[in-house]
């Protein structure tokens, strides 16, 4: 396979199994797609605008070696797909957790987790305001978690899902940042981040992913309830 299909194949690989399992009769995820569509599109718009701007500023960029060559607004088509395939796979996992785990083990401590994340991320962001990736990601996530905490929205299922998602996250993001391949698919300007890597992955990526996915899952829950109320 040519290198130029790598990022596209990662997208397809990430969504393929969750998509095929979406039609399982006893827990049919496909029947909730009405709630899923806006839960993916709304965060995708926010993150793509953010992505376009950071690419222009040189906070990060893309290696043409691993891209098909199709761009929109300066972003490769594979990056656009990323904001659909990854949220789909992760929201599917969140849905599955709702069926598999009746009593999420993190329920007694989910507010403590949120509190610790809010304090630590916001403090680190304040100390690194000149680093665009760090400060934007950490402040955005800490503010969102604070809002969810104040609204008393439970996050125990999300945190459990996120812990499970970390396994494919390290595989896919590891490849995107240069693990197992000769060059990076996505490169980062270390002057705009903490320059702390988990293997090849900038530490900010974990919280960037958490921000995206907590938006997906909470909007999914919101639209599910709204649609159920209508019916």
Foldseek 3Di string as FASTA:
>chain_A
DALACVLVVLLCVLQVVLVVCCCPPVQRVVVLVVLQVVLLVVLLVVVVVVVLVCCVVQQKHFDNRNHPPDDDSRHGVSVSSCSVRNLSNLLSLLSVCVVPPVDQPCQVCQLVVLVVLLVVLCVVLVVPVVQALSNVLSNLLSVVSVVCVVVVPDCSSVVVSLVVVVVVVCVSQVQQQPPPDNHHRMGGDCSNAVPDAPNRHGPSVSSNVSSSNVSSNVSSVVSVVVVVVVD
